[in-house]
N, C-alpha and C. Protein backbone atom coordinates (compact mmCIF):
# COMPACT_ATOMS: atom_id res chain seq x y z
N UNK A 1 21.17 -16.73 -12.67
CA UNK A 1 20.07 -15.79 -12.46
C UNK A 1 20.60 -14.59 -11.67
N UNK A 2 20.28 -13.39 -12.10
CA UNK A 2 20.77 -12.20 -11.42
C UNK A 2 20.03 -11.98 -10.11
N UNK A 3 20.68 -11.22 -9.20
CA UNK A 3 20.03 -10.89 -7.92
C UNK A 3 18.74 -10.12 -8.13
N UNK A 4 18.73 -9.19 -9.12
CA UNK A 4 17.52 -8.41 -9.39
C UNK A 4 16.38 -9.31 -9.80
N UNK A 5 16.66 -10.31 -10.63
CA UNK A 5 15.62 -11.22 -11.09
C UNK A 5 15.06 -12.05 -9.92
N UNK A 6 15.96 -12.57 -9.06
CA UNK A 6 15.51 -13.35 -7.91
C UNK A 6 14.65 -12.50 -6.98
N UNK A 7 15.05 -11.26 -6.74
CA UNK A 7 14.28 -10.41 -5.84
C UNK A 7 12.86 -10.21 -6.36
N UNK A 8 12.71 -10.04 -7.66
CA UNK A 8 11.38 -9.86 -8.23
C UNK A 8 10.54 -11.12 -8.03
N UNK A 9 11.12 -12.29 -8.23
CA UNK A 9 10.39 -13.54 -8.08
C UNK A 9 9.97 -13.79 -6.64
N UNK A 10 10.75 -13.32 -5.68
CA UNK A 10 10.47 -13.58 -4.28
C UNK A 10 9.38 -12.68 -3.71
N UNK A 11 8.86 -11.75 -4.48
CA UNK A 11 7.87 -10.80 -3.98
C UNK A 11 6.46 -11.20 -4.37
N UNK A 12 5.52 -10.83 -3.52
CA UNK A 12 4.10 -11.01 -3.81
C UNK A 12 3.59 -9.68 -4.34
N UNK A 13 2.81 -9.71 -5.41
CA UNK A 13 2.28 -8.47 -5.98
C UNK A 13 0.89 -8.20 -5.44
N UNK A 14 0.69 -6.98 -4.96
CA UNK A 14 -0.62 -6.51 -4.51
C UNK A 14 -1.00 -5.38 -5.43
N UNK A 15 -2.05 -5.58 -6.22
CA UNK A 15 -2.48 -4.59 -7.20
C UNK A 15 -3.98 -4.37 -7.01
N UNK A 16 -4.36 -3.21 -6.51
CA UNK A 16 -5.77 -2.92 -6.23
C UNK A 16 -6.16 -1.61 -6.90
N UNK A 17 -7.40 -1.53 -7.38
CA UNK A 17 -7.95 -0.31 -7.96
C UNK A 17 -9.14 0.14 -7.13
N UNK A 18 -9.26 1.45 -6.96
CA UNK A 18 -10.32 2.02 -6.14
C UNK A 18 -10.99 3.16 -6.89
N UNK A 19 -12.31 3.25 -6.72
CA UNK A 19 -13.07 4.29 -7.42
C UNK A 19 -12.88 5.67 -6.82
N UNK A 20 -12.41 5.74 -5.58
CA UNK A 20 -12.18 7.03 -4.94
C UNK A 20 -11.20 6.86 -3.79
N UNK A 21 -10.71 7.99 -3.32
CA UNK A 21 -9.81 7.96 -2.16
C UNK A 21 -10.55 7.41 -0.95
N UNK A 22 -11.83 7.79 -0.76
CA UNK A 22 -12.60 7.29 0.37
C UNK A 22 -12.72 5.77 0.32
N UNK A 23 -12.95 5.22 -0.86
CA UNK A 23 -13.04 3.76 -0.99
C UNK A 23 -11.70 3.11 -0.67
N UNK A 24 -10.62 3.73 -1.09
CA UNK A 24 -9.27 3.23 -0.81
C UNK A 24 -9.06 3.11 0.69
N UNK A 25 -9.43 4.14 1.44
CA UNK A 25 -9.23 4.17 2.89
C UNK A 25 -10.23 3.25 3.61
N UNK A 26 -11.49 3.26 3.20
CA UNK A 26 -12.52 2.52 3.92
C UNK A 26 -12.52 1.03 3.59
N UNK A 27 -12.23 0.67 2.34
CA UNK A 27 -12.36 -0.72 1.92
C UNK A 27 -11.10 -1.55 2.13
N UNK A 28 -9.94 -0.92 2.07
CA UNK A 28 -8.74 -1.74 1.97
C UNK A 28 -7.58 -1.28 2.84
N UNK A 29 -7.30 0.00 2.82
CA UNK A 29 -6.12 0.51 3.51
C UNK A 29 -6.55 1.35 4.70
N UNK A 30 -6.05 1.03 5.87
CA UNK A 30 -6.29 1.86 7.03
C UNK A 30 -4.95 2.21 7.64
N UNK A 31 -4.93 3.15 8.51
CA UNK A 31 -3.70 3.54 9.19
C UNK A 31 -2.59 3.85 8.18
N UNK A 32 -2.94 4.63 7.16
CA UNK A 32 -2.01 5.01 6.11
C UNK A 32 -1.10 6.13 6.60
N UNK A 33 0.19 6.00 6.32
CA UNK A 33 1.15 7.05 6.66
C UNK A 33 2.21 7.10 5.57
N UNK A 34 3.15 8.03 5.73
CA UNK A 34 4.26 8.13 4.77
C UNK A 34 5.15 6.88 4.82
N UNK A 35 5.14 6.18 5.94
CA UNK A 35 6.04 5.03 6.13
C UNK A 35 5.41 3.69 5.77
N UNK A 36 4.06 3.60 5.76
CA UNK A 36 3.44 2.32 5.49
C UNK A 36 1.95 2.37 5.67
N UNK A 37 1.34 1.19 5.75
CA UNK A 37 -0.12 1.10 5.84
C UNK A 37 -0.53 -0.25 6.40
N UNK A 38 -1.76 -0.29 6.90
CA UNK A 38 -2.38 -1.56 7.27
C UNK A 38 -3.30 -1.94 6.13
N UNK A 39 -3.13 -3.14 5.57
CA UNK A 39 -3.93 -3.60 4.45
C UNK A 39 -4.87 -4.69 4.93
N UNK A 40 -6.16 -4.47 4.74
CA UNK A 40 -7.14 -5.49 5.12
C UNK A 40 -7.06 -6.64 4.13
N UNK A 41 -7.06 -7.86 4.65
CA UNK A 41 -7.03 -9.04 3.79
C UNK A 41 -7.54 -10.25 4.55
N UNK A 42 -8.19 -11.14 3.86
CA UNK A 42 -8.64 -12.39 4.47
C UNK A 42 -7.55 -13.45 4.42
N UNK A 43 -6.52 -13.21 3.62
CA UNK A 43 -5.41 -14.16 3.47
C UNK A 43 -4.10 -13.45 3.80
N UNK A 44 -3.83 -13.26 5.10
CA UNK A 44 -2.61 -12.53 5.49
C UNK A 44 -1.34 -13.21 4.99
N UNK A 45 -0.37 -12.39 4.68
CA UNK A 45 0.95 -12.87 4.29
C UNK A 45 1.83 -12.98 5.53
N UNK A 46 2.85 -13.77 5.46
CA UNK A 46 3.75 -13.97 6.60
C UNK A 46 4.62 -12.73 6.83
N UNK A 47 4.97 -12.50 8.08
CA UNK A 47 5.89 -11.42 8.42
C UNK A 47 7.19 -11.65 7.66
N UNK A 48 7.72 -10.57 7.10
CA UNK A 48 8.94 -10.65 6.31
C UNK A 48 8.70 -10.79 4.82
N UNK A 49 7.45 -11.05 4.40
CA UNK A 49 7.15 -11.18 2.98
C UNK A 49 7.35 -9.84 2.29
N UNK A 50 8.10 -9.85 1.20
CA UNK A 50 8.30 -8.66 0.38
C UNK A 50 7.12 -8.56 -0.59
N UNK A 51 6.60 -7.35 -0.77
CA UNK A 51 5.45 -7.18 -1.65
C UNK A 51 5.70 -6.04 -2.63
N UNK A 52 5.29 -6.26 -3.87
CA UNK A 52 5.22 -5.20 -4.87
C UNK A 52 3.84 -4.58 -4.73
N UNK A 53 3.78 -3.29 -4.52
CA UNK A 53 2.51 -2.60 -4.28
C UNK A 53 2.15 -1.73 -5.47
N UNK A 54 0.89 -1.76 -5.85
CA UNK A 54 0.37 -0.83 -6.87
C UNK A 54 -1.08 -0.55 -6.52
N UNK A 55 -1.33 0.68 -6.13
CA UNK A 55 -2.68 1.12 -5.82
C UNK A 55 -3.07 2.17 -6.85
N UNK A 56 -4.24 2.00 -7.45
CA UNK A 56 -4.77 2.97 -8.38
C UNK A 56 -5.97 3.60 -7.72
N UNK A 57 -5.93 4.93 -7.57
CA UNK A 57 -6.99 5.65 -6.88
C UNK A 57 -7.49 6.76 -7.81
N UNK A 58 -8.79 6.79 -8.06
CA UNK A 58 -9.37 7.86 -8.86
C UNK A 58 -9.67 9.02 -7.94
N UNK A 59 -8.94 10.10 -8.12
CA UNK A 59 -9.16 11.32 -7.34
C UNK A 59 -9.65 12.35 -8.35
N UNK A 60 -9.01 13.49 -8.50
CA UNK A 60 -9.36 14.40 -9.59
C UNK A 60 -9.02 13.74 -10.92
N UNK A 61 -8.00 12.93 -10.90
CA UNK A 61 -7.59 12.13 -12.04
C UNK A 61 -7.09 10.80 -11.48
N UNK A 62 -6.71 9.89 -12.35
CA UNK A 62 -6.22 8.60 -11.89
C UNK A 62 -4.84 8.79 -11.26
N UNK A 63 -4.68 8.32 -10.04
CA UNK A 63 -3.42 8.44 -9.30
C UNK A 63 -2.88 7.04 -9.04
N UNK A 64 -1.56 6.91 -9.03
CA UNK A 64 -0.92 5.62 -8.77
C UNK A 64 0.06 5.74 -7.62
N UNK A 65 0.03 4.77 -6.74
CA UNK A 65 1.07 4.63 -5.72
C UNK A 65 1.70 3.27 -5.99
N UNK A 66 2.97 3.29 -6.35
CA UNK A 66 3.68 2.06 -6.67
C UNK A 66 4.97 1.99 -5.87
N UNK A 67 5.31 0.79 -5.46
CA UNK A 67 6.55 0.62 -4.73
C UNK A 67 6.71 -0.78 -4.20
N UNK A 68 7.61 -0.89 -3.25
CA UNK A 68 7.94 -2.16 -2.62
C UNK A 68 7.77 -1.99 -1.12
N UNK A 69 7.26 -3.01 -0.48
CA UNK A 69 7.10 -2.97 0.96
C UNK A 69 7.41 -4.32 1.57
N UNK A 70 7.32 -4.37 2.90
CA UNK A 70 7.57 -5.61 3.63
C UNK A 70 6.53 -5.75 4.73
N UNK A 71 5.97 -6.95 4.86
CA UNK A 71 5.01 -7.23 5.91
C UNK A 71 5.75 -7.26 7.25
N UNK A 72 5.29 -6.42 8.19
CA UNK A 72 5.95 -6.36 9.50
C UNK A 72 5.01 -6.76 10.64
N UNK A 73 3.71 -6.93 10.32
CA UNK A 73 2.75 -7.29 11.36
C UNK A 73 1.58 -8.02 10.72
N UNK A 74 1.07 -9.03 11.41
CA UNK A 74 -0.14 -9.75 10.98
C UNK A 74 -1.15 -9.62 12.10
N UNK A 75 -2.39 -9.33 11.73
CA UNK A 75 -3.44 -9.09 12.72
C UNK A 75 -4.68 -9.90 12.35
N UNK A 76 -5.40 -10.38 13.38
CA UNK A 76 -6.59 -11.18 13.15
C UNK A 76 -7.89 -10.37 13.15
N UNK A 77 -7.95 -9.28 13.91
CA UNK A 77 -9.21 -8.56 14.06
C UNK A 77 -8.99 -7.05 14.00
N UNK A 78 -9.28 -6.40 12.89
CA UNK A 78 -9.71 -6.99 11.62
C UNK A 78 -8.53 -7.70 10.97
N UNK A 79 -8.83 -8.67 10.10
CA UNK A 79 -7.75 -9.42 9.48
C UNK A 79 -6.97 -8.56 8.49
N UNK A 80 -5.65 -8.66 8.57
CA UNK A 80 -4.83 -7.91 7.64
C UNK A 80 -3.37 -7.92 8.03
N UNK A 81 -2.61 -7.10 7.31
CA UNK A 81 -1.17 -7.04 7.53
C UNK A 81 -0.70 -5.59 7.56
N UNK A 82 0.30 -5.34 8.38
CA UNK A 82 0.97 -4.06 8.40
C UNK A 82 2.16 -4.13 7.45
N UNK A 83 2.23 -3.18 6.51
CA UNK A 83 3.30 -3.15 5.52
C UNK A 83 4.07 -1.85 5.66
N UNK A 84 5.39 -1.96 5.73
CA UNK A 84 6.25 -0.78 5.73
C UNK A 84 6.76 -0.59 4.30
N UNK A 85 6.65 0.64 3.79
CA UNK A 85 7.16 0.94 2.45
C UNK A 85 8.68 0.97 2.50
N UNK A 86 9.33 0.21 1.62
CA UNK A 86 10.79 0.26 1.55
C UNK A 86 11.26 1.03 0.33
N UNK A 87 10.43 1.09 -0.70
CA UNK A 87 10.76 1.84 -1.91
C UNK A 87 9.48 2.43 -2.48
N UNK A 88 9.46 3.75 -2.64
CA UNK A 88 8.40 4.43 -3.38
C UNK A 88 9.08 5.42 -4.31
N UNK A 89 8.61 5.50 -5.54
CA UNK A 89 9.18 6.48 -6.45
C UNK A 89 8.83 7.88 -5.96
N UNK A 90 9.59 8.89 -6.36
CA UNK A 90 9.23 10.26 -5.98
C UNK A 90 7.80 10.63 -6.40
N UNK A 91 7.37 10.17 -7.57
CA UNK A 91 6.02 10.47 -8.03
C UNK A 91 4.99 9.80 -7.12
N UNK A 92 5.22 8.57 -6.71
CA UNK A 92 4.30 7.87 -5.81
C UNK A 92 4.29 8.54 -4.44
N UNK A 93 5.46 8.97 -3.96
CA UNK A 93 5.52 9.67 -2.68
C UNK A 93 4.73 10.97 -2.74
N UNK A 94 4.79 11.67 -3.87
CA UNK A 94 4.04 12.92 -4.03
C UNK A 94 2.53 12.64 -4.01
N UNK A 95 2.09 11.57 -4.66
CA UNK A 95 0.67 11.20 -4.64
C UNK A 95 0.26 10.87 -3.21
N UNK A 96 1.07 10.08 -2.52
CA UNK A 96 0.77 9.71 -1.14
C UNK A 96 0.67 10.95 -0.27
N UNK A 97 1.59 11.89 -0.43
CA UNK A 97 1.55 13.12 0.35
C UNK A 97 0.26 13.90 0.10
N UNK A 98 -0.15 13.99 -1.18
CA UNK A 98 -1.41 14.69 -1.50
C UNK A 98 -2.62 13.99 -0.88
N UNK A 99 -2.64 12.66 -0.96
CA UNK A 99 -3.77 11.91 -0.39
C UNK A 99 -3.81 12.03 1.13
N UNK A 100 -2.65 12.02 1.76
CA UNK A 100 -2.61 12.18 3.22
C UNK A 100 -3.07 13.58 3.61
N UNK A 101 -2.70 14.60 2.85
CA UNK A 101 -3.15 15.96 3.13
C UNK A 101 -4.66 16.05 2.97
N UNK A 102 -5.20 15.40 1.95
CA UNK A 102 -6.65 15.38 1.73
C UNK A 102 -7.35 14.69 2.90
N UNK A 103 -6.82 13.58 3.34
CA UNK A 103 -7.38 12.86 4.47
C UNK A 103 -7.38 13.74 5.72
N UNK A 104 -6.27 14.44 5.96
CA UNK A 104 -6.17 15.31 7.13
C UNK A 104 -7.18 16.45 7.06
N UNK A 105 -7.39 17.00 5.86
CA UNK A 105 -8.39 18.07 5.69
C UNK A 105 -9.79 17.56 6.03
N UNK A 106 -10.05 16.32 5.67
CA UNK A 106 -11.37 15.73 5.92
C UNK A 106 -11.53 15.23 7.35
N UNK A 107 -10.43 15.18 8.08
CA UNK A 107 -10.48 14.75 9.47
C UNK A 107 -10.62 13.26 9.65
N UNK A 108 -10.09 12.46 8.70
CA UNK A 108 -10.18 10.99 8.80
C UNK A 108 -8.98 10.44 9.46
């Protein structure tokens, strides 16, 4: 088995769709930055867990943020995990940058 294949099997996939950027921030992701995010969850993953991330956000059009991250913090209140992005495609980074600029304009 190749290293690439093993790495894919060892990851947990997180795939969420949101009707708007506001729903993305309010319902699931808080403390979003260029480096990572806090993901609300009732079933936290262990620190060190590698995750495949795919967020679909309807903004002016459908936007995707895809990449790989690692759980670096687990929290009980509110329940969730802190994930640091380890790989984001340039296109996903551009979407993230636009969404962060929109959030900053709105003062969130």
